[in-house]
């Protein structure tokens, strides 16, 4: 087994991040992300955190919120459509998480643009 002090090798990190971005609209399981880079979930999670400063689930949530902000700015989708595109199951959960990351609601964020 290789010892990756300092986190994931860059190519594995890029592969994992690409996978996360490709499947943001779906339930992303740690085991699936780890499998894309041929690592155990636990080992992957610790190296991913070393590399990015975020646990995998925190990183996924951050990506979902960033994508939601971009989609909110474009105006052509409803908030309900956006929350589905970024992998949330309910509007209340989406609003709660969005507010944690941005201190505002999705509607208020859109209205302020």
PDB file of N, CA and C in Angstrom:
ATOM      1  N   UNK A   1       0.847  -1.190   0.000  1.00  0.00           N
ATOM      2  CA  UNK A   1       0.000   0.000   0.000  1.00  0.00           C
ATOM      3  C   UNK A   1       0.888   1.247   0.000  1.00  0.00           C
ATOM      4  N   UNK A   2       0.559   2.184  -0.823  1.00  0.00           N
ATOM      5  CA  UNK A   2       1.335   3.424  -0.903  1.00  0.00           C
ATOM      6  C   UNK A   2       1.015   4.316   0.284  1.00  0.00           C
ATOM      7  N   UNK A   3       1.975   5.111   0.672  1.00  0.00           N
ATOM      8  CA  UNK A   3       1.745   6.086   1.733  1.00  0.00           C
ATOM      9  C   UNK A   3       1.727   7.467   1.090  1.00  0.00           C
ATOM     10  N   UNK A   4       0.554   8.071   1.062  1.00  0.00           N
ATOM     11  CA  UNK A   4       0.419   9.382   0.420  1.00  0.00           C
ATOM     12  C   UNK A   4       0.444  10.472   1.484  1.00  0.00           C
ATOM     13  N   UNK A   5       1.614  10.756   2.037  1.00  0.00           N
ATOM     14  CA  UNK A   5       1.666  11.851   2.997  1.00  0.00           C
ATOM     15  C   UNK A   5       1.425  13.143   2.230  1.00  0.00           C
ATOM     16  N   UNK A   6       0.618  14.002   2.809  1.00  0.00           N
ATOM     17  CA  UNK A   6       0.293  15.249   2.138  1.00  0.00           C
ATOM     18  C   UNK A   6      -0.973  15.154   1.309  1.00  0.00           C
ATOM     19  N   UNK A   7      -1.666  14.039   1.363  1.00  0.00           N
ATOM     20  CA  UNK A   7      -2.951  13.940   0.679  1.00  0.00           C
ATOM     21  C   UNK A   7      -2.918  13.068  -0.551  1.00  0.00           C
ATOM     22  N   UNK A   8      -3.947  13.219  -1.346  1.00  0.00           N
ATOM     23  CA  UNK A   8      -4.099  12.414  -2.560  1.00  0.00           C
ATOM     24  C   UNK A   8      -3.121  12.857  -3.640  1.00  0.00           C
ATOM     25  N   UNK A   9      -2.646  11.914  -4.447  1.00  0.00           N
ATOM     26  CA  UNK A   9      -1.890  12.328  -5.635  1.00  0.00           C
ATOM     27  C   UNK A   9      -2.798  13.210  -6.501  1.00  0.00           C
ATOM     28  N   UNK A  10      -2.220  14.185  -7.156  1.00  0.00           N
ATOM     29  CA  UNK A  10      -2.999  15.164  -7.906  1.00  0.00           C
ATOM     30  C   UNK A  10      -3.953  14.526  -8.910  1.00  0.00           C
ATOM     31  N   UNK A  11      -3.508  13.496  -9.623  1.00  0.00           N
ATOM     32  CA  UNK A  11      -4.393  12.888 -10.623  1.00  0.00           C
ATOM     33  C   UNK A  11      -5.595  12.217  -9.967  1.00  0.00           C
ATOM     34  N   UNK A  12      -5.413  11.636  -8.788  1.00  0.00           N
ATOM     35  CA  UNK A  12      -6.546  11.018  -8.084  1.00  0.00           C
ATOM     36  C   UNK A  12      -7.484  12.090  -7.530  1.00  0.00           C
ATOM     37  N   UNK A  13      -6.922  13.179  -7.048  1.00  0.00           N
ATOM     38  CA  UNK A  13      -7.744  14.280  -6.559  1.00  0.00           C
ATOM     39  C   UNK A  13      -8.584  14.854  -7.696  1.00  0.00           C
ATOM     40  N   UNK A  14      -7.957  15.092  -8.841  1.00  0.00           N
ATOM     41  CA  UNK A  14      -8.694  15.618 -10.009  1.00  0.00           C
ATOM     42  C   UNK A  14      -9.801  14.658 -10.441  1.00  0.00           C
ATOM     43  N   UNK A  15      -9.496  13.361 -10.429  1.00  0.00           N
ATOM     44  CA  UNK A  15     -10.472  12.348 -10.827  1.00  0.00           C
ATOM     45  C   UNK A  15     -11.673  12.352  -9.870  1.00  0.00           C
ATOM     46  N   UNK A  16     -11.392  12.413  -8.577  1.00  0.00           N
ATOM     47  CA  UNK A  16     -12.462  12.418  -7.576  1.00  0.00           C
ATOM     48  C   UNK A  16     -13.323  13.676  -7.713  1.00  0.00           C
ATOM     49  N   UNK A  17     -12.696  14.826  -7.888  1.00  0.00           N
ATOM     50  CA  UNK A  17     -13.435  16.089  -8.020  1.00  0.00           C
ATOM     51  C   UNK A  17     -14.265  16.092  -9.307  1.00  0.00           C
ATOM     52  N   UNK A  18     -13.717  15.567 -10.384  1.00  0.00           N
ATOM     53  CA  UNK A  18     -14.480  15.478 -11.643  1.00  0.00           C
ATOM     54  C   UNK A  18     -15.707  14.591 -11.452  1.00  0.00           C
ATOM     55  N   UNK A  19     -15.523  13.481 -10.758  1.00  0.00           N
ATOM     56  CA  UNK A  19     -16.648  12.568 -10.504  1.00  0.00           C
ATOM     57  C   UNK A  19     -17.723  13.283  -9.679  1.00  0.00           C
ATOM     58  N   UNK A  20     -17.302  13.975  -8.636  1.00  0.00           N
ATOM     59  CA  UNK A  20     -18.252  14.718  -7.793  1.00  0.00           C
ATOM     60  C   UNK A  20     -19.031  15.722  -8.638  1.00  0.00           C
ATOM     61  N   UNK A  21     -18.336  16.493  -9.463  1.00  0.00           N
ATOM     62  CA  UNK A  21     -19.018  17.504 -10.278  1.00  0.00           C
ATOM     63  C   UNK A  21     -19.936  16.884 -11.325  1.00  0.00           C
ATOM     64  N   UNK A  22     -19.555  15.729 -11.858  1.00  0.00           N
ATOM     65  CA  UNK A  22     -20.390  15.056 -12.860  1.00  0.00           C
ATOM     66  C   UNK A  22     -21.689  14.512 -12.267  1.00  0.00           C
ATOM     67  N   UNK A  23     -21.661  14.173 -10.985  1.00  0.00           N
ATOM     68  CA  UNK A  23     -22.812  13.518 -10.370  1.00  0.00           C
ATOM     69  C   UNK A  23     -23.412  14.316  -9.207  1.00  0.00           C
ATOM     70  N   UNK A  24     -23.257  15.635  -9.228  1.00  0.00           N
ATOM     71  CA  UNK A  24     -23.790  16.483  -8.160  1.00  0.00           C
ATOM     72  C   UNK A  24     -25.293  16.322  -7.961  1.00  0.00           C
ATOM     73  N   UNK A  25     -26.012  15.994  -9.019  1.00  0.00           N
ATOM     74  CA  UNK A  25     -27.458  15.899  -8.933  1.00  0.00           C
ATOM     75  C   UNK A  25     -27.925  14.577  -8.318  1.00  0.00           C
ATOM     76  N   UNK A  26     -26.995  13.670  -8.023  1.00  0.00           N
ATOM     77  CA  UNK A  26     -27.356  12.357  -7.503  1.00  0.00           C
ATOM     78  C   UNK A  26     -26.870  12.190  -6.069  1.00  0.00           C
ATOM     79  N   UNK A  27     -27.347  11.130  -5.423  1.00  0.00           N
ATOM     80  CA  UNK A  27     -26.818  10.792  -4.096  1.00  0.00           C
ATOM     81  C   UNK A  27     -25.386  10.342  -4.292  1.00  0.00           C
ATOM     82  N   UNK A  28     -24.456  11.075  -3.768  1.00  0.00           N
ATOM     83  CA  UNK A  28     -23.044  10.706  -3.889  1.00  0.00           C
ATOM     84  C   UNK A  28     -22.620   9.989  -2.619  1.00  0.00           C
ATOM     85  N   UNK A  29     -22.250   8.736  -2.757  1.00  0.00           N
ATOM     86  CA  UNK A  29     -21.805   7.951  -1.614  1.00  0.00           C
ATOM     87  C   UNK A  29     -20.281   7.956  -1.564  1.00  0.00           C
ATOM     88  N   UNK A  30     -19.760   8.038  -0.367  1.00  0.00           N
ATOM     89  CA  UNK A  30     -18.314   8.026  -0.178  1.00  0.00           C
ATOM     90  C   UNK A  30     -17.681   6.818  -0.854  1.00  0.00           C
ATOM     91  N   UNK A  31     -18.307   5.655  -0.716  1.00  0.00           N
ATOM     92  CA  UNK A  31     -17.748   4.433  -1.309  1.00  0.00           C
ATOM     93  C   UNK A  31     -17.628   4.550  -2.827  1.00  0.00           C
ATOM     94  N   UNK A  32     -18.608   5.199  -3.462  1.00  0.00           N
ATOM     95  CA  UNK A  32     -18.568   5.365  -4.919  1.00  0.00           C
ATOM     96  C   UNK A  32     -17.424   6.298  -5.333  1.00  0.00           C
ATOM     97  N   UNK A  33     -17.277   7.396  -4.622  1.00  0.00           N
ATOM     98  CA  UNK A  33     -16.211   8.347  -4.960  1.00  0.00           C
ATOM     99  C   UNK A  33     -14.856   7.677  -4.759  1.00  0.00           C
ATOM    100  N   UNK A  34     -14.701   6.979  -3.636  1.00  0.00           N
ATOM    101  CA  UNK A  34     -13.438   6.287  -3.342  1.00  0.00           C
ATOM    102  C   UNK A  34     -13.138   5.223  -4.400  1.00  0.00           C
ATOM    103  N   UNK A  35     -14.175   4.537  -4.866  1.00  0.00           N
ATOM    104  CA  UNK A  35     -13.988   3.486  -5.879  1.00  0.00           C
ATOM    105  C   UNK A  35     -13.469   4.062  -7.194  1.00  0.00           C
ATOM    106  N   UNK A  36     -13.836   5.301  -7.518  1.00  0.00           N
ATOM    107  CA  UNK A  36     -13.361   5.885  -8.779  1.00  0.00           C
ATOM    108  C   UNK A  36     -11.848   6.056  -8.779  1.00  0.00           C
ATOM    109  N   UNK A  37     -11.250   6.161  -7.594  1.00  0.00           N
ATOM    110  CA  UNK A  37      -9.795   6.300  -7.501  1.00  0.00           C
ATOM    111  C   UNK A  37      -9.154   5.064  -6.856  1.00  0.00           C
ATOM    112  N   UNK A  38      -9.896   3.951  -6.843  1.00  0.00           N
ATOM    113  CA  UNK A  38      -9.410   2.659  -6.334  1.00  0.00           C
ATOM    114  C   UNK A  38      -8.820   2.745  -4.926  1.00  0.00           C
ATOM    115  N   UNK A  39      -9.592   3.307  -4.010  1.00  0.00           N
ATOM    116  CA  UNK A  39      -9.137   3.399  -2.618  1.00  0.00           C
ATOM    117  C   UNK A  39     -10.269   2.983  -1.697  1.00  0.00           C
ATOM    118  N   UNK A  40      -9.908   2.602  -0.463  1.00  0.00           N
ATOM    119  CA  UNK A  40     -10.939   2.311   0.534  1.00  0.00           C
ATOM    120  C   UNK A  40     -11.597   3.636   0.928  1.00  0.00           C
ATOM    121  N   UNK A  41     -12.879   3.598   1.270  1.00  0.00           N
ATOM    122  CA  UNK A  41     -13.569   4.837   1.641  1.00  0.00           C
ATOM    123  C   UNK A  41     -12.885   5.587   2.788  1.00  0.00           C
ATOM    124  N   UNK A  42     -12.471   4.873   3.817  1.00  0.00           N
ATOM    125  CA  UNK A  42     -11.856   5.532   4.977  1.00  0.00           C
ATOM    126  C   UNK A  42     -10.527   6.201   4.595  1.00  0.00           C
ATOM    127  N   UNK A  43      -9.706   5.473   3.884  1.00  0.00           N
ATOM    128  CA  UNK A  43      -8.400   6.005   3.468  1.00  0.00           C
ATOM    129  C   UNK A  43      -8.589   7.194   2.523  1.00  0.00           C
ATOM    130  N   UNK A  44      -9.501   7.034   1.576  1.00  0.00           N
ATOM    131  CA  UNK A  44      -9.797   8.126   0.645  1.00  0.00           C
ATOM    132  C   UNK A  44     -10.251   9.372   1.407  1.00  0.00           C
ATOM    133  N   UNK A  45     -11.180   9.192   2.358  1.00  0.00           N
ATOM    134  CA  UNK A  45     -11.740  10.344   3.087  1.00  0.00           C
ATOM    135  C   UNK A  45     -10.649  11.108   3.826  1.00  0.00           C
ATOM    136  N   UNK A  46      -9.734  10.386   4.456  1.00  0.00           N
ATOM    137  CA  UNK A  46      -8.693  11.099   5.204  1.00  0.00           C
ATOM    138  C   UNK A  46      -7.728  11.813   4.264  1.00  0.00           C
ATOM    139  N   UNK A  47      -7.372  11.188   3.145  1.00  0.00           N
ATOM    140  CA  UNK A  47      -6.470  11.848   2.195  1.00  0.00           C
ATOM    141  C   UNK A  47      -7.152  13.004   1.477  1.00  0.00           C
ATOM    142  N   UNK A  48      -8.447  12.851   1.175  1.00  0.00           N
ATOM    143  CA  UNK A  48      -9.192  13.921   0.527  1.00  0.00           C
ATOM    144  C   UNK A  48      -9.218  15.148   1.437  1.00  0.00           C
ATOM    145  N   UNK A  49      -9.454  14.919   2.719  1.00  0.00           N
ATOM    146  CA  UNK A  49      -9.483  16.043   3.664  1.00  0.00           C
ATOM    147  C   UNK A  49      -8.104  16.704   3.755  1.00  0.00           C
ATOM    148  N   UNK A  50      -7.045  15.896   3.744  1.00  0.00           N
ATOM    149  CA  UNK A  50      -5.690  16.469   3.751  1.00  0.00           C
ATOM    150  C   UNK A  50      -5.476  17.345   2.525  1.00  0.00           C
ATOM    151  N   UNK A  51      -5.984  16.899   1.388  1.00  0.00           N
ATOM    152  CA  UNK A  51      -5.755  17.602   0.117  1.00  0.00           C
ATOM    153  C   UNK A  51      -6.584  18.870  -0.024  1.00  0.00           C
ATOM    154  N   UNK A  52      -7.831  18.834   0.454  1.00  0.00           N
ATOM    155  CA  UNK A  52      -8.756  19.944   0.190  1.00  0.00           C
ATOM    156  C   UNK A  52      -9.094  20.773   1.422  1.00  0.00           C
ATOM    157  N   UNK A  53      -8.864  20.221   2.604  1.00  0.00           N
ATOM    158  CA  UNK A  53      -9.287  20.888   3.815  1.00  0.00           C
ATOM    159  C   UNK A  53     -10.734  20.601   4.180  1.00  0.00           C
ATOM    160  N   UNK A  54     -11.404  19.801   3.360  1.00  0.00           N
ATOM    161  CA  UNK A  54     -12.810  19.456   3.591  1.00  0.00           C
ATOM    162  C   UNK A  54     -12.978  17.943   3.607  1.00  0.00           C
ATOM    163  N   UNK A  55     -13.861  17.459   4.467  1.00  0.00           N
ATOM    164  CA  UNK A  55     -14.283  16.064   4.376  1.00  0.00           C
ATOM    165  C   UNK A  55     -15.042  15.920   3.056  1.00  0.00           C
ATOM    166  N   UNK A  56     -15.056  14.728   2.450  1.00  0.00           N
ATOM    167  CA  UNK A  56     -15.750  14.582   1.162  1.00  0.00           C
ATOM    168  C   UNK A  56     -17.190  15.101   1.169  1.00  0.00           C
ATOM    169  N   UNK A  57     -17.969  14.784   2.205  1.00  0.00           N
ATOM    170  CA  UNK A  57     -19.365  15.254   2.213  1.00  0.00           C
ATOM    171  C   UNK A  57     -19.454  16.772   2.306  1.00  0.00           C
ATOM    172  N   UNK A  58     -18.511  17.402   3.033  1.00  0.00           N
ATOM    173  CA  UNK A  58     -18.501  18.869   3.110  1.00  0.00           C
ATOM    174  C   UNK A  58     -18.169  19.462   1.743  1.00  0.00           C
ATOM    175  N   UNK A  59     -17.226  18.841   1.053  1.00  0.00           N
ATOM    176  CA  UNK A  59     -16.828  19.321  -0.270  1.00  0.00           C
ATOM    177  C   UNK A  59     -17.992  19.202  -1.254  1.00  0.00           C
ATOM    178  N   UNK A  60     -18.698  18.071  -1.206  1.00  0.00           N
ATOM    179  CA  UNK A  60     -19.848  17.860  -2.090  1.00  0.00           C
ATOM    180  C   UNK A  60     -20.898  18.945  -1.826  1.00  0.00           C
ATOM    181  N   UNK A  61     -21.176  19.196  -0.563  1.00  0.00           N
ATOM    182  CA  UNK A  61     -22.176  20.221  -0.225  1.00  0.00           C
ATOM    183  C   UNK A  61     -21.734  21.591  -0.714  1.00  0.00           C
ATOM    184  N   UNK A  62     -20.463  21.917  -0.520  1.00  0.00           N
ATOM    185  CA  UNK A  62     -19.938  23.201  -0.987  1.00  0.00           C
ATOM    186  C   UNK A  62     -20.106  23.319  -2.510  1.00  0.00           C
ATOM    187  N   UNK A  63     -19.797  22.262  -3.241  1.00  0.00           N
ATOM    188  CA  UNK A  63     -19.965  22.264  -4.708  1.00  0.00           C
ATOM    189  C   UNK A  63     -21.424  22.444  -5.092  1.00  0.00           C
ATOM    190  N   UNK A  64     -22.310  21.780  -4.369  1.00  0.00           N
ATOM    191  CA  UNK A  64     -23.745  21.905  -4.658  1.00  0.00           C
ATOM    192  C   UNK A  64     -24.216  23.342  -4.470  1.00  0.00           C
ATOM    193  N   UNK A  65     -23.773  23.983  -3.402  1.00  0.00           N
ATOM    194  CA  UNK A  65     -24.181  25.367  -3.139  1.00  0.00           C
ATOM    195  C   UNK A  65     -23.595  26.307  -4.196  1.00  0.00           C
ATOM    196  N   UNK A  66     -22.333  26.098  -4.565  1.00  0.00           N
ATOM    197  CA  UNK A  66     -21.719  26.950  -5.600  1.00  0.00           C
ATOM    198  C   UNK A  66     -22.454  26.810  -6.928  1.00  0.00           C
ATOM    199  N   UNK A  67     -22.804  25.583  -7.304  1.00  0.00           N
ATOM    200  CA  UNK A  67     -23.544  25.376  -8.554  1.00  0.00           C
ATOM    201  C   UNK A  67     -24.930  26.009  -8.449  1.00  0.00           C
ATOM    202  N   UNK A  68     -25.570  25.868  -7.298  1.00  0.00           N
ATOM    203  CA  UNK A  68     -26.892  26.478  -7.101  1.00  0.00           C
ATOM    204  C   UNK A  68     -26.815  27.989  -7.269  1.00  0.00           C
ATOM    205  N   UNK A  69     -25.760  28.611  -6.741  1.00  0.00           N
ATOM    206  CA  UNK A  69     -25.601  30.062  -6.881  1.00  0.00           C
ATOM    207  C   UNK A  69     -25.496  30.453  -8.357  1.00  0.00           C
ATOM    208  N   UNK A  70     -24.758  29.673  -9.132  1.00  0.00           N
ATOM    209  CA  UNK A  70     -24.652  29.959 -10.573  1.00  0.00           C
ATOM    210  C   UNK A  70     -26.000  29.811 -11.261  1.00  0.00           C
ATOM    211  N   UNK A  71     -26.732  28.748 -10.920  1.00  0.00           N
ATOM    212  CA  UNK A  71     -28.044  28.518 -11.544  1.00  0.00           C
ATOM    213  C   UNK A  71     -29.051  29.579 -11.111  1.00  0.00           C
ATOM    214  N   UNK A  72     -28.997  30.015  -9.869  1.00  0.00           N
ATOM    215  CA  UNK A  72     -29.907  31.073  -9.408  1.00  0.00           C
ATOM    216  C   UNK A  72     -29.670  32.368 -10.174  1.00  0.00           C
ATOM    217  N   UNK A  73     -28.429  32.634 -10.525  1.00  0.00           N
ATOM    218  CA  UNK A  73     -28.100  33.856 -11.250  1.00  0.00           C
ATOM    219  C   UNK A  73     -28.665  33.853 -12.662  1.00  0.00           C
ATOM    220  N   UNK A  74     -28.889  32.669 -13.229  1.00  0.00           N
ATOM    221  CA  UNK A  74     -29.328  32.596 -14.629  1.00  0.00           C
ATOM    222  C   UNK A  74     -30.825  32.793 -14.810  1.00  0.00           C
ATOM    223  N   UNK A  75     -31.602  32.728 -13.746  1.00  0.00           N
ATOM    224  CA  UNK A  75     -33.032  33.074 -13.738  1.00  0.00           C
ATOM    225  C   UNK A  75     -33.986  32.138 -14.493  1.00  0.00           C
ATOM    226  N   UNK A  76     -33.497  31.298 -15.423  1.00  0.00           N
ATOM    227  CA  UNK A  76     -34.476  30.548 -16.220  1.00  0.00           C
ATOM    228  C   UNK A  76     -35.038  29.317 -15.522  1.00  0.00           C
ATOM    229  N   UNK A  77     -34.420  28.890 -14.430  1.00  0.00           N
ATOM    230  CA  UNK A  77     -34.913  27.720 -13.703  1.00  0.00           C
ATOM    231  C   UNK A  77     -35.599  28.147 -12.414  1.00  0.00           C
ATOM    232  N   UNK A  78     -36.616  27.382 -12.023  1.00  0.00           N
ATOM    233  CA  UNK A  78     -37.234  27.647 -10.725  1.00  0.00           C
ATOM    234  C   UNK A  78     -36.310  27.122  -9.629  1.00  0.00           C
ATOM    235  N   UNK A  79     -36.535  27.581  -8.418  1.00  0.00           N
ATOM    236  CA  UNK A  79     -35.734  27.098  -7.291  1.00  0.00           C
ATOM    237  C   UNK A  79     -35.936  25.593  -7.125  1.00  0.00           C
ATOM    238  N   UNK A  80     -37.157  25.112  -7.351  1.00  0.00           N
ATOM    239  CA  UNK A  80     -37.426  23.667  -7.249  1.00  0.00           C
ATOM    240  C   UNK A  80     -36.599  22.885  -8.278  1.00  0.00           C
ATOM    241  N   UNK A  81     -36.471  23.424  -9.489  1.00  0.00           N
ATOM    242  CA  UNK A  81     -35.653  22.751 -10.513  1.00  0.00           C
ATOM    243  C   UNK A  81     -34.172  22.782 -10.139  1.00  0.00           C
ATOM    244  N   UNK A  82     -33.745  23.903  -9.585  1.00  0.00           N
ATOM    245  CA  UNK A  82     -32.340  24.047  -9.199  1.00  0.00           C
ATOM    246  C   UNK A  82     -31.981  23.068  -8.090  1.00  0.00           C
ATOM    247  N   UNK A  83     -32.816  22.971  -7.078  1.00  0.00           N
ATOM    248  CA  UNK A  83     -32.464  22.086  -5.963  1.00  0.00           C
ATOM    249  C   UNK A  83     -32.340  20.645  -6.432  1.00  0.00           C
ATOM    250  N   UNK A  84     -33.135  20.245  -7.406  1.00  0.00           N
ATOM    251  CA  UNK A  84     -32.997  18.886  -7.955  1.00  0.00           C
ATOM    252  C   UNK A  84     -31.703  18.741  -8.745  1.00  0.00           C
ATOM    253  N   UNK A  85     -31.335  19.758  -9.495  1.00  0.00           N
ATOM    254  CA  UNK A  85     -30.112  19.691 -10.309  1.00  0.00           C
ATOM    255  C   UNK A  85     -28.850  19.646  -9.456  1.00  0.00           C
ATOM    256  N   UNK A  86     -28.935  20.135  -8.230  1.00  0.00           N
ATOM    257  CA  UNK A  86     -27.754  20.113  -7.377  1.00  0.00           C
ATOM    258  C   UNK A  86     -27.852  19.066  -6.265  1.00  0.00           C
ATOM    259  N   UNK A  87     -28.811  18.147  -6.391  1.00  0.00           N
ATOM    260  CA  UNK A  87     -28.820  16.966  -5.537  1.00  0.00           C
ATOM    261  C   UNK A  87     -29.545  17.063  -4.209  1.00  0.00           C
ATOM    262  N   UNK A  88     -30.416  18.051  -4.051  1.00  0.00           N
ATOM    263  CA  UNK A  88     -31.206  18.117  -2.818  1.00  0.00           C
ATOM    264  C   UNK A  88     -32.573  17.488  -3.064  1.00  0.00           C
ATOM    265  N   UNK A  89     -33.122  16.868  -2.026  1.00  0.00           N
ATOM    266  CA  UNK A  89     -34.404  16.172  -2.162  1.00  0.00           C
ATOM    267  C   UNK A  89     -35.601  17.040  -1.792  1.00  0.00           C
ATOM    268  N   UNK A  90     -35.376  18.031  -0.924  1.00  0.00           N
ATOM    269  CA  UNK A  90     -36.498  18.870  -0.499  1.00  0.00           C
ATOM    270  C   UNK A  90     -36.083  20.335  -0.466  1.00  0.00           C
ATOM    271  N   UNK A  91     -37.075  21.195  -0.670  1.00  0.00           N
ATOM    272  CA  UNK A  91     -36.807  22.626  -0.666  1.00  0.00           C
ATOM    273  C   UNK A  91     -36.387  23.099   0.729  1.00  0.00           C
ATOM    274  N   UNK A  92     -36.961  22.515   1.770  1.00  0.00           N
ATOM    275  CA  UNK A  92     -36.604  22.959   3.118  1.00  0.00           C
ATOM    276  C   UNK A  92     -35.146  22.614   3.441  1.00  0.00           C
ATOM    277  N   UNK A  93     -34.704  21.433   3.051  1.00  0.00           N
ATOM    278  CA  UNK A  93     -33.303  21.042   3.284  1.00  0.00           C
ATOM    279  C   UNK A  93     -32.369  21.925   2.468  1.00  0.00           C
ATOM    280  N   UNK A  94     -32.717  22.150   1.208  1.00  0.00           N
ATOM    281  CA  UNK A  94     -31.912  23.008   0.341  1.00  0.00           C
ATOM    282  C   UNK A  94     -31.790  24.405   0.938  1.00  0.00           C
ATOM    283  N   UNK A  95     -32.919  24.977   1.366  1.00  0.00           N
ATOM    284  CA  UNK A  95     -32.914  26.324   1.921  1.00  0.00           C
ATOM    285  C   UNK A  95     -32.064  26.387   3.192  1.00  0.00           C
ATOM    286  N   UNK A  96     -32.199  25.376   4.057  1.00  0.00           N
ATOM    287  CA  UNK A  96     -31.425  25.357   5.303  1.00  0.00           C
ATOM    288  C   UNK A  96     -29.921  25.305   5.022  1.00  0.00           C
ATOM    289  N   UNK A  97     -29.505  24.413   4.131  1.00  0.00           N
ATOM    290  CA  UNK A  97     -28.081  24.274   3.810  1.00  0.00           C
ATOM    291  C   UNK A  97     -27.576  25.521   3.080  1.00  0.00           C
ATOM    292  N   UNK A  98     -28.359  26.028   2.139  1.00  0.00           N
ATOM    293  CA  UNK A  98     -27.970  27.239   1.404  1.00  0.00           C
ATOM    294  C   UNK A  98     -27.735  28.391   2.383  1.00  0.00           C
ATOM    295  N   UNK A  99     -28.633  28.523   3.362  1.00  0.00           N
ATOM    296  CA  UNK A  99     -28.503  29.605   4.343  1.00  0.00           C
ATOM    297  C   UNK A  99     -27.252  29.408   5.200  1.00  0.00           C
ATOM    298  N   UNK A 100     -26.921  28.154   5.540  1.00  0.00           N
ATOM    299  CA  UNK A 100     -25.697  27.894   6.324  1.00  0.00           C
ATOM    300  C   UNK A 100     -24.456  28.380   5.579  1.00  0.00           C
ATOM    301  N   UNK A 101     -24.450  28.194   4.278  1.00  0.00           N
ATOM    302  CA  UNK A 101     -23.268  28.543   3.484  1.00  0.00           C
ATOM    303  C   UNK A 101     -23.243  29.996   3.038  1.00  0.00           C
ATOM    304  N   UNK A 102     -24.407  30.627   2.908  1.00  0.00           N
ATOM    305  CA  UNK A 102     -24.448  31.977   2.326  1.00  0.00           C
ATOM    306  C   UNK A 102     -25.084  33.029   3.227  1.00  0.00           C
ATOM    307  N   UNK A 103     -25.649  32.625   4.351  1.00  0.00           N
ATOM    308  CA  UNK A 103     -26.390  33.488   5.293  1.00  0.00           C
ATOM    309  C   UNK A 103     -27.658  34.101   4.700  1.00  0.00           C
ATOM    310  N   UNK A 104     -28.128  33.563   3.591  1.00  0.00           N
ATOM    311  CA  UNK A 104     -29.373  34.045   3.000  1.00  0.00           C
ATOM    312  C   UNK A 104     -30.111  32.864   2.374  1.00  0.00           C
ATOM    313  N   UNK A 105     -31.366  33.071   2.018  1.00  0.00           N
ATOM    314  CA  UNK A 105     -32.132  32.000   1.378  1.00  0.00           C
ATOM    315  C   UNK A 105     -31.887  32.038  -0.137  1.00  0.00           C
ATOM    316  N   UNK A 106     -32.192  30.947  -0.823  1.00  0.00           N
ATOM    317  CA  UNK A 106     -32.035  30.962  -2.288  1.00  0.00           C
ATOM    318  C   UNK A 106     -32.845  32.079  -2.960  1.00  0.00           C
ATOM    319  N   UNK A 107     -34.071  32.281  -2.500  1.00  0.00           N
ATOM    320  CA  UNK A 107     -34.909  33.327  -3.106  1.00  0.00           C
ATOM    321  C   UNK A 107     -34.312  34.714  -2.854  1.00  0.00           C
ATOM    322  N   UNK A 108     -33.883  34.966  -1.629  1.00  0.00           N
ATOM    323  CA  UNK A 108     -33.289  36.266  -1.292  1.00  0.00           C
ATOM    324  C   UNK A 108     -31.986  36.462  -2.082  1.00  0.00           C
ATOM    325  N   UNK A 109     -31.233  35.386  -2.236  1.00  0.00           N
ATOM    326  CA  UNK A 109     -29.974  35.457  -3.016  1.00  0.00           C
ATOM    327  C   UNK A 109     -30.297  35.853  -4.447  1.00  0.00           C
ATOM    328  N   UNK A 110     -31.269  35.182  -5.044  1.00  0.00           N
ATOM    329  CA  UNK A 110     -31.653  35.488  -6.432  1.00  0.00           C
ATOM    330  C   UNK A 110     -32.176  36.910  -6.558  1.00  0.00           C
ATOM    331  N   UNK A 111     -33.037  37.320  -5.626  1.00  0.00           N
ATOM    332  CA  UNK A 111     -33.625  38.665  -5.679  1.00  0.00           C
ATOM    333  C   UNK A 111     -32.569  39.746  -5.537  1.00  0.00           C
ATOM    334  N   UNK A 112     -31.480  39.459  -4.842  1.00  0.00           N
ATOM    335  CA  UNK A 112     -30.427  40.452  -4.618  1.00  0.00           C
ATOM    336  C   UNK A 112     -29.484  40.583  -5.821  1.00  0.00           C
ATOM    337  N   UNK A 113     -29.574  39.677  -6.761  1.00  0.00           N
ATOM    338  CA  UNK A 113     -28.654  39.704  -7.919  1.00  0.00           C
ATOM    339  C   UNK A 113     -29.028  40.802  -8.901  1.00  0.00           C
TER     340      UNK A 113
END
